[in-house]
Amino acid sequence: MADPQPLLELQRLDSEADALRARRDALPERALLRDGEAEGAKLASERQEANERQLALGRDERRVEAQVTDARTKAQELEASLYSGKVKVVNELKALQAELRSFQQRQREHEEAELALMEQQEQLAAEIAVLDARRDALASDARTWSGALAAAEAEIDAELTRLATARAAVIAQLPDAVLFSYEKLRAMPRFK
């Protein structure tokens, strides 16, 4: 009967290699990178939404700014007409004064709206800064995790190479029929 030691050694080497491959697949850095990618996608989506809100606020601010300018211009025109001395009828003067107050009121309302939009833009800029800081921190973490993952994989791969070399030496000691039967049994599905 053939010596069972090489076959037992082959089984031990294969079991050790299987454990190393499972450990390689389950490295915590891999999960951290996967979670980091998901977080990065979420941050990118939030940043895109913030960009769209920023553009909308910019459009609103330009619109309100134009309204302020229009109201100011009309108020200045009315004021010039009022004080030009061309209008002599009291009722017309009262109407001009009322219209002037109306445009000055509109100007104040538009200026307040413009200030509110500027405050919203400041808040949004702060939100964007936070998102960008989180994105940068996540990118830094991802580089760290990638480096740690590469180092852990290299260590495991070196061990797997050592085991493959030892396995090749053991296989050389086994008869072909025994090796064929072993490989056939090893390829069968395992029940857990």
Foldseek 3Di string as FASTA:
>chain_A
DDDCVLVVVLVVLVVVLVVLVVCLVVPVLVVLLVVLVVVLVVLVVVLVVLVVVLVVLVVVLVVLVVLLVVLVVVLVVLVCVLPVPPDDDPVVNVVSVVVSVVSVVSNVVSVVVNVVSVVVNVVSVVVNVVSVVVNVVSVVVNVVSVVVSVVSVVVSVVVNVVSVVVSVVSVVVDDPVVVVVVVVVVPDDDDD
